[in-house]
Amino acid sequence: MGLVYPCAVSERPRRAEEIEINPIEDGLVVYDPRRDRVHHLNPTASVVLELCTGEIDRAEIVSLVQAAYDLDEPPEREVGDCLRQLRDEGLVE
């Protein structure tokens, strides 16, 4: 079993309701009206954000990202870091 990296995001993270998501060629542009901030997410962060439905747990998100990118090892640390950053920016609860 791989290392588990703690993440202070809900076990079933979900996108903040107020954000506006717009797809672009290389990811997503996300507008947070509460903070009046625009975020440009790369393709991987876009996948993680899209998976934050409140129905999928972190372990499933890791597995789905691993499958999407055909990775040999589960990207636990990377997904955890991404979730923390999305939470810190107010995009995920």
N, C-alpha and C. Protein backbone atom coordinates (compact mmCIF):
# COMPACT_ATOMS: atom_id res chain seq x y z
N MET A 1 0.85 -1.18 0.00
CA MET A 1 0.00 0.00 0.00
C MET A 1 0.88 1.23 0.00
N GLY A 2 0.50 2.23 -0.81
CA GLY A 2 1.28 3.45 -0.94
C GLY A 2 1.13 4.36 0.27
N LEU A 3 1.94 5.38 0.30
CA LEU A 3 1.86 6.36 1.36
C LEU A 3 0.57 7.16 1.23
N VAL A 4 0.02 7.50 2.36
CA VAL A 4 -1.19 8.33 2.36
C VAL A 4 -0.78 9.71 2.83
N TYR A 5 -1.09 10.71 2.04
CA TYR A 5 -0.75 12.08 2.38
C TYR A 5 -2.00 12.76 2.91
N PRO A 6 -1.89 13.33 4.10
CA PRO A 6 -3.08 13.98 4.66
C PRO A 6 -3.50 15.18 3.83
N CYS A 7 -4.77 15.39 3.81
CA CYS A 7 -5.32 16.52 3.06
C CYS A 7 -6.48 17.07 3.86
N ALA A 8 -6.45 18.35 4.16
CA ALA A 8 -7.48 18.95 4.99
C ALA A 8 -8.69 19.34 4.15
N VAL A 9 -9.05 18.50 3.20
CA VAL A 9 -10.23 18.71 2.38
C VAL A 9 -11.19 17.60 2.75
N SER A 10 -12.46 17.86 2.65
CA SER A 10 -13.48 16.86 2.95
C SER A 10 -13.15 15.53 2.31
N GLU A 11 -13.58 14.45 2.94
CA GLU A 11 -13.39 13.11 2.37
C GLU A 11 -14.06 13.00 1.01
N ARG A 12 -15.12 13.72 0.81
CA ARG A 12 -15.82 13.77 -0.48
C ARG A 12 -15.88 15.23 -0.92
N PRO A 13 -14.74 15.72 -1.45
CA PRO A 13 -14.69 17.15 -1.80
C PRO A 13 -15.72 17.52 -2.86
N ARG A 14 -16.19 18.75 -2.76
CA ARG A 14 -17.13 19.24 -3.77
C ARG A 14 -16.75 20.66 -4.16
N ARG A 15 -17.08 20.98 -5.40
CA ARG A 15 -16.80 22.32 -5.90
C ARG A 15 -17.65 23.34 -5.14
N ALA A 16 -17.10 24.51 -4.96
CA ALA A 16 -17.87 25.60 -4.36
C ALA A 16 -19.01 25.94 -5.31
N GLU A 17 -20.17 26.18 -4.77
CA GLU A 17 -21.36 26.40 -5.59
C GLU A 17 -21.31 27.69 -6.39
N GLU A 18 -20.63 28.70 -5.89
CA GLU A 18 -20.67 30.02 -6.51
C GLU A 18 -19.77 30.17 -7.72
N ILE A 19 -18.85 29.24 -7.92
CA ILE A 19 -17.86 29.44 -8.97
C ILE A 19 -18.45 29.21 -10.36
N GLU A 20 -17.88 29.92 -11.32
CA GLU A 20 -18.28 29.78 -12.72
C GLU A 20 -17.14 29.07 -13.45
N ILE A 21 -17.45 27.97 -14.14
CA ILE A 21 -16.43 27.15 -14.80
C ILE A 21 -16.61 27.26 -16.31
N ASN A 22 -15.51 27.59 -16.99
CA ASN A 22 -15.53 27.71 -18.44
C ASN A 22 -14.38 26.91 -19.03
N PRO A 23 -14.69 25.93 -19.90
CA PRO A 23 -13.62 25.16 -20.53
C PRO A 23 -12.86 26.00 -21.56
N ILE A 24 -11.57 25.75 -21.62
CA ILE A 24 -10.72 26.34 -22.65
C ILE A 24 -9.86 25.22 -23.21
N GLU A 25 -9.09 25.52 -24.21
CA GLU A 25 -8.33 24.50 -24.92
C GLU A 25 -7.41 23.69 -24.00
N ASP A 26 -6.78 24.33 -23.05
CA ASP A 26 -5.80 23.63 -22.22
C ASP A 26 -6.20 23.55 -20.74
N GLY A 27 -7.48 23.45 -20.45
CA GLY A 27 -7.93 23.31 -19.07
C GLY A 27 -9.24 24.03 -18.82
N LEU A 28 -9.29 24.73 -17.71
CA LEU A 28 -10.49 25.47 -17.33
C LEU A 28 -10.12 26.86 -16.86
N VAL A 29 -11.01 27.80 -17.08
CA VAL A 29 -10.94 29.11 -16.44
C VAL A 29 -12.10 29.13 -15.45
N VAL A 30 -11.76 29.43 -14.20
CA VAL A 30 -12.75 29.41 -13.13
C VAL A 30 -12.80 30.80 -12.49
N TYR A 31 -14.00 31.33 -12.42
CA TYR A 31 -14.20 32.64 -11.79
C TYR A 31 -14.87 32.45 -10.45
N ASP A 32 -14.29 33.04 -9.42
CA ASP A 32 -14.85 33.01 -8.07
C ASP A 32 -15.38 34.40 -7.75
N PRO A 33 -16.70 34.60 -7.85
CA PRO A 33 -17.25 35.94 -7.62
C PRO A 33 -17.12 36.41 -6.18
N ARG A 34 -17.02 35.50 -5.24
CA ARG A 34 -16.88 35.90 -3.83
C ARG A 34 -15.57 36.64 -3.61
N ARG A 35 -14.52 36.18 -4.28
CA ARG A 35 -13.20 36.80 -4.12
C ARG A 35 -12.83 37.67 -5.33
N ASP A 36 -13.71 37.68 -6.33
CA ASP A 36 -13.46 38.40 -7.58
C ASP A 36 -12.10 38.01 -8.14
N ARG A 37 -11.91 36.68 -8.27
CA ARG A 37 -10.65 36.13 -8.77
C ARG A 37 -10.92 35.18 -9.92
N VAL A 38 -10.01 35.18 -10.87
CA VAL A 38 -10.06 34.26 -12.01
C VAL A 38 -8.88 33.31 -11.87
N HIS A 39 -9.14 32.02 -12.10
CA HIS A 39 -8.11 30.99 -11.99
C HIS A 39 -8.02 30.25 -13.32
N HIS A 40 -6.81 30.00 -13.78
CA HIS A 40 -6.59 29.19 -14.97
C HIS A 40 -6.06 27.85 -14.49
N LEU A 41 -6.83 26.79 -14.69
CA LEU A 41 -6.43 25.46 -14.23
C LEU A 41 -5.85 24.66 -15.39
N ASN A 42 -4.72 24.01 -15.13
CA ASN A 42 -4.13 23.15 -16.15
C ASN A 42 -5.02 21.90 -16.31
N PRO A 43 -4.74 21.06 -17.29
CA PRO A 43 -5.61 19.90 -17.53
C PRO A 43 -5.77 18.98 -16.32
N THR A 44 -4.70 18.74 -15.58
CA THR A 44 -4.80 17.84 -14.43
C THR A 44 -5.66 18.46 -13.33
N ALA A 45 -5.41 19.70 -12.99
CA ALA A 45 -6.23 20.37 -11.97
C ALA A 45 -7.68 20.45 -12.42
N SER A 46 -7.89 20.60 -13.72
CA SER A 46 -9.26 20.63 -14.26
C SER A 46 -9.97 19.31 -14.03
N VAL A 47 -9.26 18.21 -14.26
CA VAL A 47 -9.84 16.87 -14.03
C VAL A 47 -10.19 16.72 -12.55
N VAL A 48 -9.26 17.11 -11.68
CA VAL A 48 -9.51 16.99 -10.24
C VAL A 48 -10.72 17.82 -9.85
N LEU A 49 -10.80 19.06 -10.30
CA LEU A 49 -11.94 19.91 -9.96
C LEU A 49 -13.25 19.31 -10.46
N GLU A 50 -13.25 18.82 -11.68
CA GLU A 50 -14.47 18.21 -12.24
C GLU A 50 -14.91 16.99 -11.43
N LEU A 51 -13.96 16.28 -10.83
CA LEU A 51 -14.29 15.09 -10.04
C LEU A 51 -14.79 15.45 -8.63
N CYS A 52 -14.66 16.70 -8.24
CA CYS A 52 -15.10 17.14 -6.91
C CYS A 52 -16.61 17.40 -6.94
N THR A 53 -17.37 16.33 -6.91
CA THR A 53 -18.82 16.40 -6.99
C THR A 53 -19.50 16.28 -5.63
N GLY A 54 -18.73 15.92 -4.61
CA GLY A 54 -19.31 15.63 -3.30
C GLY A 54 -19.77 14.19 -3.21
N GLU A 55 -19.69 13.45 -4.30
CA GLU A 55 -20.12 12.05 -4.33
C GLU A 55 -18.93 11.09 -4.43
N ILE A 56 -17.78 11.62 -4.85
CA ILE A 56 -16.59 10.80 -5.07
C ILE A 56 -15.60 11.10 -3.96
N ASP A 57 -15.06 10.05 -3.33
CA ASP A 57 -14.10 10.32 -2.27
C ASP A 57 -12.70 10.49 -2.84
N ARG A 58 -11.79 10.96 -1.98
CA ARG A 58 -10.43 11.26 -2.43
C ARG A 58 -9.74 10.06 -3.03
N ALA A 59 -9.93 8.88 -2.44
CA ALA A 59 -9.28 7.68 -2.97
C ALA A 59 -9.75 7.40 -4.40
N GLU A 60 -11.03 7.60 -4.66
CA GLU A 60 -11.55 7.41 -6.02
C GLU A 60 -10.99 8.45 -6.98
N ILE A 61 -10.86 9.68 -6.51
CA ILE A 61 -10.28 10.73 -7.36
C ILE A 61 -8.86 10.34 -7.74
N VAL A 62 -8.08 9.86 -6.78
CA VAL A 62 -6.71 9.41 -7.07
C VAL A 62 -6.74 8.30 -8.11
N SER A 63 -7.61 7.32 -7.94
CA SER A 63 -7.71 6.20 -8.88
C SER A 63 -8.12 6.66 -10.27
N LEU A 64 -9.06 7.58 -10.34
CA LEU A 64 -9.53 8.07 -11.64
C LEU A 64 -8.45 8.89 -12.35
N VAL A 65 -7.70 9.69 -11.61
CA VAL A 65 -6.60 10.44 -12.21
C VAL A 65 -5.52 9.47 -12.69
N GLN A 66 -5.23 8.46 -11.89
CA GLN A 66 -4.25 7.44 -12.29
C GLN A 66 -4.66 6.79 -13.60
N ALA A 67 -5.92 6.41 -13.71
CA ALA A 67 -6.42 5.77 -14.93
C ALA A 67 -6.43 6.75 -16.11
N ALA A 68 -6.83 7.99 -15.87
CA ALA A 68 -6.92 8.98 -16.94
C ALA A 68 -5.56 9.24 -17.59
N TYR A 69 -4.51 9.20 -16.79
CA TYR A 69 -3.18 9.49 -17.30
C TYR A 69 -2.32 8.22 -17.43
N ASP A 70 -2.94 7.05 -17.23
CA ASP A 70 -2.25 5.77 -17.37
C ASP A 70 -0.95 5.75 -16.57
N LEU A 71 -1.05 6.11 -15.29
CA LEU A 71 0.11 6.18 -14.42
C LEU A 71 0.37 4.83 -13.76
N ASP A 72 1.64 4.51 -13.56
CA ASP A 72 2.01 3.26 -12.90
C ASP A 72 1.66 3.26 -11.42
N GLU A 73 1.82 4.40 -10.78
CA GLU A 73 1.56 4.54 -9.34
C GLU A 73 0.42 5.52 -9.10
N PRO A 74 -0.36 5.31 -8.04
CA PRO A 74 -1.42 6.27 -7.72
C PRO A 74 -0.81 7.63 -7.36
N PRO A 75 -1.32 8.71 -7.93
CA PRO A 75 -0.78 10.05 -7.66
C PRO A 75 -1.35 10.65 -6.38
N GLU A 76 -1.18 9.95 -5.27
CA GLU A 76 -1.79 10.38 -4.01
C GLU A 76 -1.30 11.74 -3.55
N ARG A 77 0.02 11.93 -3.56
CA ARG A 77 0.58 13.20 -3.10
C ARG A 77 0.14 14.34 -4.02
N GLU A 78 0.21 14.10 -5.33
CA GLU A 78 -0.11 15.14 -6.30
C GLU A 78 -1.58 15.55 -6.21
N VAL A 79 -2.46 14.56 -6.11
CA VAL A 79 -3.89 14.87 -5.99
C VAL A 79 -4.16 15.58 -4.66
N GLY A 80 -3.52 15.11 -3.59
CA GLY A 80 -3.68 15.78 -2.29
C GLY A 80 -3.24 17.23 -2.34
N ASP A 81 -2.08 17.47 -2.99
CA ASP A 81 -1.59 18.84 -3.13
C ASP A 81 -2.56 19.68 -3.95
N CYS A 82 -3.07 19.11 -5.01
CA CYS A 82 -4.02 19.82 -5.87
C CYS A 82 -5.29 20.16 -5.10
N LEU A 83 -5.82 19.20 -4.37
CA LEU A 83 -7.04 19.45 -3.58
C LEU A 83 -6.81 20.53 -2.54
N ARG A 84 -5.65 20.50 -1.89
CA ARG A 84 -5.34 21.54 -0.89
C ARG A 84 -5.30 22.92 -1.55
N GLN A 85 -4.67 23.00 -2.71
CA GLN A 85 -4.58 24.30 -3.40
C GLN A 85 -5.96 24.77 -3.85
N LEU A 86 -6.76 23.86 -4.38
CA LEU A 86 -8.13 24.23 -4.79
C LEU A 86 -8.93 24.70 -3.58
N ARG A 87 -8.77 24.03 -2.46
CA ARG A 87 -9.46 24.45 -1.23
C ARG A 87 -8.96 25.80 -0.76
N ASP A 88 -7.64 25.99 -0.76
CA ASP A 88 -7.07 27.27 -0.30
C ASP A 88 -7.55 28.43 -1.17
N GLU A 89 -7.82 28.17 -2.43
CA GLU A 89 -8.31 29.20 -3.35
C GLU A 89 -9.83 29.35 -3.29
N GLY A 90 -10.49 28.53 -2.48
CA GLY A 90 -11.94 28.64 -2.32
C GLY A 90 -12.75 27.97 -3.41
N LEU A 91 -12.10 27.13 -4.21
CA LEU A 91 -12.82 26.47 -5.30
C LEU A 91 -13.42 25.13 -4.90
N VAL A 92 -12.92 24.56 -3.82
CA VAL A 92 -13.38 23.24 -3.33
C VAL A 92 -13.64 23.35 -1.84
N GLU A 93 -14.68 22.64 -1.42
CA GLU A 93 -15.02 22.61 0.03
C GLU A 93 -14.80 21.21 0.53
